[in-house]
Amino acid sequence: MLLEQIGLTSYPKTSGQTGLHVLVPLGPGVNFAAACALADLLGKLLATQHADIATTERRKDKRGPRVYIDTGQTGPTRAIVAPYSVRAYPGARVSTPLIWDEVSFALDPARFTIVSVPERAASIRDPMAGFFDTPVDLARAVLDLSAMMPKQRKR
């Protein structure tokens, strides 16, 4: 996984609708502009490396069946749903933390509801345990990410 390759720990969770959020603790002292730039670079690299299944194209008619990597969701006017939040939609879906082994094409976010999530939470270790204690070497991650970026041709 790309984030592991650059030394960053990630925590997946359902959005409470159909999406998947990937949370990456960056630690204290990382400013908002740096976090946005990192998210944008990661999204572009993922879309480049996996162009057959992923894209940063916002328009649905242009992206086709590919997964939309929404790095624009990281912004001052954007909201992200907190883990374990109940969404105001039919079925009362819940934004549910996952372990990476649960993330697959078979993942059905609709199964995580206000009815099912309490039992799940009681029966497994919290997938987000340790989130705020995760050590981060952001400088090293950026250097590793830079080394993976496609080289620009000179004109």
N, C-alpha and C. Protein backbone atom coordinates (compact mmCIF):
# COMPACT_ATOMS: atom_id res chain seq x y z
N MET A 1 0.83 -1.17 0.00
CA MET A 1 0.00 0.00 0.00
C MET A 1 0.88 1.24 0.00
N LEU A 2 0.49 2.25 -0.76
CA LEU A 2 1.30 3.45 -0.93
C LEU A 2 1.62 4.14 0.39
N LEU A 3 0.64 4.31 1.24
CA LEU A 3 0.90 5.02 2.50
C LEU A 3 1.92 4.27 3.36
N GLU A 4 1.84 2.95 3.40
CA GLU A 4 2.83 2.17 4.14
C GLU A 4 4.22 2.34 3.52
N GLN A 5 4.28 2.39 2.20
CA GLN A 5 5.56 2.53 1.51
C GLN A 5 6.27 3.82 1.89
N ILE A 6 5.52 4.86 2.21
CA ILE A 6 6.15 6.13 2.58
C ILE A 6 6.13 6.35 4.10
N GLY A 7 5.82 5.28 4.84
CA GLY A 7 5.93 5.33 6.29
C GLY A 7 4.76 5.98 7.02
N LEU A 8 3.61 6.08 6.38
CA LEU A 8 2.45 6.66 7.05
C LEU A 8 1.43 5.56 7.38
N THR A 9 0.87 5.65 8.56
CA THR A 9 -0.16 4.73 8.99
C THR A 9 -1.50 5.30 8.56
N SER A 10 -2.41 4.44 8.14
CA SER A 10 -3.72 4.91 7.69
C SER A 10 -4.83 4.11 8.34
N TYR A 11 -5.96 4.76 8.46
CA TYR A 11 -7.13 4.19 9.11
C TYR A 11 -8.33 4.36 8.19
N PRO A 12 -8.84 3.27 7.60
CA PRO A 12 -10.01 3.39 6.74
C PRO A 12 -11.30 3.38 7.55
N LYS A 13 -12.31 4.05 7.02
CA LYS A 13 -13.65 4.00 7.61
C LYS A 13 -14.66 4.27 6.51
N THR A 14 -15.85 3.75 6.70
CA THR A 14 -16.91 4.05 5.75
C THR A 14 -17.33 5.50 5.97
N SER A 15 -17.91 6.09 4.96
CA SER A 15 -18.38 7.47 5.10
C SER A 15 -19.75 7.53 5.76
N GLY A 16 -20.41 6.40 5.78
CA GLY A 16 -21.79 6.35 6.26
C GLY A 16 -22.75 6.39 5.10
N GLN A 17 -22.21 6.55 3.91
CA GLN A 17 -23.01 6.45 2.68
C GLN A 17 -22.35 5.37 1.83
N THR A 18 -21.80 5.75 0.67
CA THR A 18 -21.18 4.76 -0.20
C THR A 18 -19.66 4.90 -0.28
N GLY A 19 -19.12 5.96 0.29
CA GLY A 19 -17.70 6.22 0.17
C GLY A 19 -16.85 5.60 1.26
N LEU A 20 -15.56 5.76 1.08
CA LEU A 20 -14.57 5.29 2.03
C LEU A 20 -13.65 6.47 2.33
N HIS A 21 -13.41 6.72 3.59
CA HIS A 21 -12.45 7.75 3.99
C HIS A 21 -11.19 7.05 4.47
N VAL A 22 -10.05 7.62 4.15
CA VAL A 22 -8.78 7.11 4.65
C VAL A 22 -8.17 8.23 5.48
N LEU A 23 -8.10 8.00 6.78
CA LEU A 23 -7.57 9.00 7.71
C LEU A 23 -6.10 8.71 7.97
N VAL A 24 -5.28 9.76 7.92
CA VAL A 24 -3.84 9.62 8.13
C VAL A 24 -3.41 10.62 9.20
N PRO A 25 -3.01 10.15 10.37
CA PRO A 25 -2.54 11.08 11.40
C PRO A 25 -1.21 11.70 10.97
N LEU A 26 -1.12 13.01 11.05
CA LEU A 26 0.10 13.69 10.65
C LEU A 26 0.86 14.27 11.84
N GLY A 27 0.24 14.24 12.99
CA GLY A 27 0.91 14.70 14.19
C GLY A 27 0.81 16.20 14.38
N PRO A 28 1.24 16.67 15.55
CA PRO A 28 1.17 18.11 15.86
C PRO A 28 2.18 18.88 15.02
N GLY A 29 1.84 20.11 14.74
CA GLY A 29 2.76 20.99 14.03
C GLY A 29 2.65 20.96 12.51
N VAL A 30 1.87 20.05 11.96
CA VAL A 30 1.69 20.01 10.51
C VAL A 30 0.56 20.97 10.16
N ASN A 31 0.88 21.98 9.36
CA ASN A 31 -0.15 22.96 9.07
C ASN A 31 -1.11 22.47 7.99
N PHE A 32 -2.23 23.16 7.89
CA PHE A 32 -3.30 22.75 7.01
C PHE A 32 -2.85 22.72 5.54
N ALA A 33 -2.08 23.71 5.12
CA ALA A 33 -1.63 23.77 3.72
C ALA A 33 -0.76 22.55 3.38
N ALA A 34 0.09 22.16 4.31
CA ALA A 34 0.95 20.99 4.08
C ALA A 34 0.10 19.72 4.00
N ALA A 35 -0.91 19.59 4.86
CA ALA A 35 -1.78 18.42 4.83
C ALA A 35 -2.53 18.34 3.51
N CYS A 36 -3.03 19.47 3.02
CA CYS A 36 -3.75 19.50 1.73
C CYS A 36 -2.82 19.14 0.58
N ALA A 37 -1.62 19.68 0.59
CA ALA A 37 -0.65 19.39 -0.47
C ALA A 37 -0.30 17.90 -0.48
N LEU A 38 -0.11 17.33 0.69
CA LEU A 38 0.20 15.90 0.77
C LEU A 38 -0.96 15.07 0.23
N ALA A 39 -2.18 15.40 0.63
CA ALA A 39 -3.36 14.66 0.14
C ALA A 39 -3.46 14.76 -1.38
N ASP A 40 -3.22 15.94 -1.93
CA ASP A 40 -3.29 16.13 -3.37
C ASP A 40 -2.22 15.31 -4.10
N LEU A 41 -1.00 15.33 -3.60
CA LEU A 41 0.08 14.54 -4.22
C LEU A 41 -0.22 13.05 -4.16
N LEU A 42 -0.69 12.59 -3.01
CA LEU A 42 -1.02 11.17 -2.88
C LEU A 42 -2.13 10.78 -3.86
N GLY A 43 -3.15 11.62 -3.96
CA GLY A 43 -4.25 11.32 -4.88
C GLY A 43 -3.79 11.27 -6.33
N LYS A 44 -2.96 12.22 -6.73
CA LYS A 44 -2.46 12.25 -8.11
C LYS A 44 -1.58 11.03 -8.40
N LEU A 45 -0.74 10.66 -7.45
CA LEU A 45 0.12 9.50 -7.66
C LEU A 45 -0.71 8.22 -7.74
N LEU A 46 -1.69 8.06 -6.85
CA LEU A 46 -2.55 6.88 -6.91
C LEU A 46 -3.30 6.81 -8.23
N ALA A 47 -3.83 7.94 -8.67
CA ALA A 47 -4.57 7.96 -9.94
C ALA A 47 -3.65 7.65 -11.12
N THR A 48 -2.40 8.07 -11.05
CA THR A 48 -1.44 7.78 -12.11
C THR A 48 -1.05 6.30 -12.11
N GLN A 49 -0.75 5.78 -10.92
CA GLN A 49 -0.33 4.38 -10.80
C GLN A 49 -1.46 3.39 -11.09
N HIS A 50 -2.70 3.80 -10.88
CA HIS A 50 -3.84 2.91 -11.04
C HIS A 50 -4.90 3.53 -11.94
N ALA A 51 -4.47 4.09 -13.05
CA ALA A 51 -5.36 4.82 -13.95
C ALA A 51 -6.52 3.98 -14.48
N ASP A 52 -6.35 2.67 -14.48
CA ASP A 52 -7.42 1.80 -14.96
C ASP A 52 -8.59 1.70 -13.98
N ILE A 53 -8.35 1.94 -12.70
CA ILE A 53 -9.43 1.82 -11.72
C ILE A 53 -9.66 3.07 -10.87
N ALA A 54 -8.77 4.06 -10.95
CA ALA A 54 -8.88 5.24 -10.08
C ALA A 54 -8.66 6.52 -10.87
N THR A 55 -9.28 7.60 -10.39
CA THR A 55 -9.15 8.89 -11.05
C THR A 55 -9.39 10.02 -10.05
N THR A 56 -8.87 11.19 -10.38
CA THR A 56 -9.18 12.40 -9.62
C THR A 56 -10.18 13.26 -10.39
N GLU A 57 -10.71 12.73 -11.48
CA GLU A 57 -11.71 13.44 -12.28
C GLU A 57 -13.01 13.56 -11.50
N ARG A 58 -13.45 14.79 -11.28
CA ARG A 58 -14.65 15.04 -10.48
C ARG A 58 -15.94 14.71 -11.23
N ARG A 59 -15.97 14.99 -12.52
CA ARG A 59 -17.20 14.80 -13.30
C ARG A 59 -17.47 13.31 -13.53
N LYS A 60 -18.66 12.87 -13.11
CA LYS A 60 -19.02 11.46 -13.23
C LYS A 60 -19.00 10.97 -14.67
N ASP A 61 -19.44 11.80 -15.59
CA ASP A 61 -19.50 11.37 -16.99
C ASP A 61 -18.11 11.20 -17.60
N LYS A 62 -17.08 11.76 -16.98
CA LYS A 62 -15.72 11.63 -17.50
C LYS A 62 -14.91 10.54 -16.79
N ARG A 63 -15.35 10.14 -15.61
CA ARG A 63 -14.55 9.14 -14.89
C ARG A 63 -15.01 7.71 -15.12
N GLY A 64 -16.21 7.52 -15.63
CA GLY A 64 -16.70 6.18 -15.90
C GLY A 64 -16.80 5.36 -14.63
N PRO A 65 -16.43 4.07 -14.69
CA PRO A 65 -16.58 3.20 -13.51
C PRO A 65 -15.43 3.30 -12.51
N ARG A 66 -14.48 4.18 -12.80
CA ARG A 66 -13.31 4.27 -11.91
C ARG A 66 -13.67 4.89 -10.55
N VAL A 67 -12.90 4.55 -9.55
CA VAL A 67 -13.06 5.09 -8.20
C VAL A 67 -12.58 6.54 -8.21
N TYR A 68 -13.38 7.41 -7.62
CA TYR A 68 -13.03 8.82 -7.54
C TYR A 68 -12.22 9.08 -6.27
N ILE A 69 -11.01 9.57 -6.44
CA ILE A 69 -10.15 9.93 -5.31
C ILE A 69 -10.38 11.42 -5.06
N ASP A 70 -11.09 11.73 -4.01
CA ASP A 70 -11.53 13.09 -3.73
C ASP A 70 -10.59 13.79 -2.75
N THR A 71 -9.48 14.28 -3.25
CA THR A 71 -8.55 15.00 -2.38
C THR A 71 -9.07 16.40 -2.07
N GLY A 72 -10.03 16.86 -2.82
CA GLY A 72 -10.64 18.16 -2.56
C GLY A 72 -11.51 18.16 -1.32
N GLN A 73 -11.77 16.98 -0.77
CA GLN A 73 -12.57 16.89 0.45
C GLN A 73 -11.79 17.42 1.64
N THR A 74 -10.48 17.55 1.50
CA THR A 74 -9.66 18.14 2.54
C THR A 74 -9.65 19.64 2.31
N GLY A 75 -10.51 20.35 3.00
CA GLY A 75 -10.59 21.79 2.81
C GLY A 75 -11.31 22.47 3.96
N PRO A 76 -11.11 23.77 4.08
CA PRO A 76 -11.69 24.50 5.22
C PRO A 76 -13.22 24.55 5.18
N THR A 77 -13.81 24.40 4.01
CA THR A 77 -15.27 24.43 3.93
C THR A 77 -15.86 23.04 3.74
N ARG A 78 -15.04 22.02 3.87
CA ARG A 78 -15.49 20.64 3.70
C ARG A 78 -15.66 19.98 5.06
N ALA A 79 -16.61 19.10 5.12
CA ALA A 79 -16.85 18.38 6.37
C ALA A 79 -16.51 16.91 6.16
N ILE A 80 -15.95 16.32 7.18
CA ILE A 80 -15.74 14.88 7.17
C ILE A 80 -16.53 14.33 8.35
N VAL A 81 -17.14 13.24 8.13
CA VAL A 81 -17.98 12.63 9.15
C VAL A 81 -17.08 11.92 10.17
N ALA A 82 -17.30 12.21 11.43
CA ALA A 82 -16.50 11.59 12.48
C ALA A 82 -16.81 10.10 12.58
N PRO A 83 -15.82 9.30 12.99
CA PRO A 83 -16.07 7.87 13.19
C PRO A 83 -17.23 7.64 14.15
N TYR A 84 -18.03 6.65 13.83
CA TYR A 84 -19.19 6.23 14.61
C TYR A 84 -20.35 7.22 14.56
N SER A 85 -20.33 8.16 13.63
CA SER A 85 -21.46 9.08 13.48
C SER A 85 -22.57 8.41 12.70
N VAL A 86 -23.79 8.61 13.17
CA VAL A 86 -24.97 8.10 12.47
C VAL A 86 -25.35 9.14 11.42
N ARG A 87 -25.59 8.68 10.20
CA ARG A 87 -25.97 9.56 9.11
C ARG A 87 -27.49 9.67 9.02
N ALA A 88 -27.96 10.82 8.62
CA ALA A 88 -29.41 11.07 8.52
C ALA A 88 -29.93 10.62 7.16
N TYR A 89 -29.85 9.31 6.93
CA TYR A 89 -30.31 8.71 5.69
C TYR A 89 -31.10 7.45 6.03
N PRO A 90 -31.93 7.00 5.11
CA PRO A 90 -32.69 5.78 5.38
C PRO A 90 -31.76 4.63 5.81
N GLY A 91 -32.16 3.93 6.83
CA GLY A 91 -31.35 2.82 7.34
C GLY A 91 -30.41 3.24 8.45
N ALA A 92 -30.26 4.55 8.67
CA ALA A 92 -29.38 5.09 9.73
C ALA A 92 -27.99 4.46 9.67
N ARG A 93 -27.36 4.60 8.51
CA ARG A 93 -25.99 4.08 8.37
C ARG A 93 -25.05 4.84 9.30
N VAL A 94 -23.95 4.16 9.64
CA VAL A 94 -22.97 4.71 10.56
C VAL A 94 -21.60 4.76 9.86
N SER A 95 -20.91 5.86 10.04
CA SER A 95 -19.53 5.98 9.57
C SER A 95 -18.68 5.09 10.46
N THR A 96 -18.22 3.97 9.89
CA THR A 96 -17.64 2.90 10.69
C THR A 96 -16.16 2.66 10.42
N PRO A 97 -15.32 2.75 11.45
CA PRO A 97 -13.91 2.39 11.29
C PRO A 97 -13.77 0.93 10.89
N LEU A 98 -12.81 0.67 10.01
CA LEU A 98 -12.58 -0.68 9.49
C LEU A 98 -11.12 -1.06 9.70
N ILE A 99 -10.83 -2.33 9.52
CA ILE A 99 -9.44 -2.75 9.39
C ILE A 99 -9.24 -2.97 7.88
N TRP A 100 -8.01 -2.82 7.41
CA TRP A 100 -7.77 -2.88 5.96
C TRP A 100 -8.21 -4.21 5.35
N ASP A 101 -8.16 -5.30 6.11
CA ASP A 101 -8.59 -6.59 5.57
C ASP A 101 -10.07 -6.60 5.20
N GLU A 102 -10.85 -5.69 5.76
CA GLU A 102 -12.28 -5.62 5.44
C GLU A 102 -12.55 -4.85 4.16
N VAL A 103 -11.57 -4.11 3.67
CA VAL A 103 -11.76 -3.27 2.49
C VAL A 103 -11.54 -4.10 1.24
N SER A 104 -12.62 -4.29 0.49
CA SER A 104 -12.57 -5.05 -0.75
C SER A 104 -13.76 -4.64 -1.60
N PHE A 105 -13.82 -5.19 -2.80
CA PHE A 105 -14.97 -4.89 -3.66
C PHE A 105 -16.27 -5.42 -3.06
N ALA A 106 -16.16 -6.38 -2.16
CA ALA A 106 -17.36 -6.97 -1.54
C ALA A 106 -17.86 -6.15 -0.35
N LEU A 107 -17.12 -5.13 0.06
CA LEU A 107 -17.52 -4.32 1.21
C LEU A 107 -18.86 -3.63 0.92
N ASP A 108 -19.81 -3.81 1.81
CA ASP A 108 -21.13 -3.19 1.67
C ASP A 108 -21.33 -2.24 2.85
N PRO A 109 -21.13 -0.94 2.64
CA PRO A 109 -21.29 0.02 3.73
C PRO A 109 -22.69 0.04 4.34
N ALA A 110 -23.67 -0.45 3.60
CA ALA A 110 -25.06 -0.46 4.10
C ALA A 110 -25.24 -1.40 5.29
N ARG A 111 -24.29 -2.31 5.51
CA ARG A 111 -24.44 -3.24 6.63
C ARG A 111 -24.08 -2.61 7.97
N PHE A 112 -23.46 -1.42 7.94
CA PHE A 112 -23.07 -0.74 9.17
C PHE A 112 -24.14 0.29 9.52
N THR A 113 -25.00 -0.08 10.45
CA THR A 113 -26.14 0.77 10.80
C THR A 113 -26.19 1.01 12.31
N ILE A 114 -27.11 1.85 12.69
CA ILE A 114 -27.31 2.15 14.11
C ILE A 114 -27.67 0.88 14.89
N VAL A 115 -28.18 -0.12 14.20
CA VAL A 115 -28.54 -1.39 14.84
C VAL A 115 -27.33 -2.32 14.92
N SER A 116 -26.53 -2.41 13.87
CA SER A 116 -25.44 -3.40 13.82
C SER A 116 -24.12 -2.92 14.43
N VAL A 117 -23.85 -1.64 14.41
CA VAL A 117 -22.53 -1.15 14.83
C VAL A 117 -22.27 -1.30 16.34
N PRO A 118 -23.25 -1.09 17.22
CA PRO A 118 -22.93 -1.29 18.64
C PRO A 118 -22.43 -2.71 18.95
N GLU A 119 -23.04 -3.72 18.35
CA GLU A 119 -22.58 -5.09 18.57
C GLU A 119 -21.18 -5.28 18.00
N ARG A 120 -20.93 -4.73 16.83
CA ARG A 120 -19.60 -4.81 16.22
C ARG A 120 -18.56 -4.16 17.13
N ALA A 121 -18.88 -2.97 17.62
CA ALA A 121 -17.93 -2.24 18.47
C ALA A 121 -17.63 -3.00 19.76
N ALA A 122 -18.61 -3.70 20.27
CA ALA A 122 -18.42 -4.46 21.51
C ALA A 122 -17.62 -5.74 21.28
N SER A 123 -17.61 -6.23 20.03
CA SER A 123 -16.98 -7.52 19.78
C SER A 123 -15.58 -7.45 19.17
N ILE A 124 -15.14 -6.27 18.73
CA ILE A 124 -13.80 -6.16 18.14
C ILE A 124 -13.03 -5.02 18.80
N ARG A 125 -11.73 -5.07 18.64
CA ARG A 125 -10.88 -3.97 19.10
C ARG A 125 -11.14 -2.77 18.18
N ASP A 126 -11.17 -1.59 18.75
CA ASP A 126 -11.43 -0.39 17.95
C ASP A 126 -10.36 -0.24 16.88
N PRO A 127 -10.76 -0.27 15.60
CA PRO A 127 -9.77 -0.14 14.52
C PRO A 127 -9.00 1.18 14.53
N MET A 128 -9.52 2.19 15.24
CA MET A 128 -8.84 3.48 15.29
C MET A 128 -8.03 3.67 16.57
N ALA A 129 -7.95 2.62 17.39
CA ALA A 129 -7.16 2.71 18.62
C ALA A 129 -5.72 3.08 18.26
N GLY A 130 -5.17 4.01 18.96
CA GLY A 130 -3.80 4.43 18.71
C GLY A 130 -3.66 5.54 17.67
N PHE A 131 -4.77 5.98 17.11
CA PHE A 131 -4.71 7.00 16.05
C PHE A 131 -3.87 8.21 16.48
N PHE A 132 -4.14 8.72 17.67
CA PHE A 132 -3.44 9.94 18.11
C PHE A 132 -2.06 9.66 18.67
N ASP A 133 -1.70 8.40 18.81
CA ASP A 133 -0.39 8.03 19.32
C ASP A 133 0.56 7.56 18.23
N THR A 134 0.11 7.60 16.98
CA THR A 134 0.89 7.09 15.86
C THR A 134 2.07 8.02 15.58
N PRO A 135 3.30 7.50 15.65
CA PRO A 135 4.46 8.35 15.34
C PRO A 135 4.51 8.66 13.85
N VAL A 136 4.91 9.89 13.53
CA VAL A 136 4.92 10.33 12.13
C VAL A 136 6.25 11.00 11.82
N ASP A 137 6.89 10.57 10.72
CA ASP A 137 8.06 11.26 10.20
C ASP A 137 7.64 11.80 8.84
N LEU A 138 6.98 12.96 8.88
CA LEU A 138 6.42 13.52 7.66
C LEU A 138 7.50 13.90 6.64
N ALA A 139 8.62 14.40 7.11
CA ALA A 139 9.71 14.75 6.18
C ALA A 139 10.17 13.52 5.40
N ARG A 140 10.34 12.41 6.09
CA ARG A 140 10.75 11.16 5.44
C ARG A 140 9.68 10.70 4.45
N ALA A 141 8.41 10.81 4.84
CA ALA A 141 7.30 10.41 3.96
C ALA A 141 7.30 11.23 2.68
N VAL A 142 7.52 12.53 2.81
CA VAL A 142 7.52 13.40 1.62
C VAL A 142 8.70 13.07 0.72
N LEU A 143 9.86 12.79 1.29
CA LEU A 143 11.03 12.40 0.48
C LEU A 143 10.75 11.09 -0.26
N ASP A 144 10.17 10.12 0.44
CA ASP A 144 9.86 8.84 -0.19
C ASP A 144 8.81 9.02 -1.29
N LEU A 145 7.83 9.87 -1.03
CA LEU A 145 6.79 10.15 -2.02
C LEU A 145 7.39 10.84 -3.24
N SER A 146 8.27 11.78 -3.01
CA SER A 146 8.93 12.49 -4.12
C SER A 146 9.68 11.54 -5.03
N ALA A 147 10.33 10.55 -4.43
CA ALA A 147 11.08 9.57 -5.21
C ALA A 147 10.18 8.73 -6.09
N MET A 148 8.91 8.60 -5.72
CA MET A 148 7.96 7.80 -6.50
C MET A 148 7.27 8.58 -7.61
N MET A 149 7.35 9.89 -7.54
CA MET A 149 6.64 10.71 -8.52
C MET A 149 7.24 10.53 -9.91
N PRO A 150 6.40 10.48 -10.94
CA PRO A 150 6.92 10.38 -12.31
C PRO A 150 7.81 11.58 -12.62
N LYS A 151 8.88 11.30 -13.27
CA LYS A 151 9.82 12.37 -13.62
C LYS A 151 9.25 13.19 -14.78
N GLN A 152 9.40 14.50 -14.69
CA GLN A 152 8.96 15.40 -15.76
C GLN A 152 10.02 15.46 -16.84
N ARG A 153 9.57 15.41 -18.08
CA ARG A 153 10.53 15.52 -19.19
C ARG A 153 10.90 16.97 -19.41
N LYS A 154 12.18 17.18 -19.72
CA LYS A 154 12.63 18.54 -20.04
C LYS A 154 12.16 18.90 -21.43
N ARG A 155 11.83 20.15 -21.60
CA ARG A 155 11.36 20.61 -22.94
C ARG A 155 12.46 21.33 -23.66
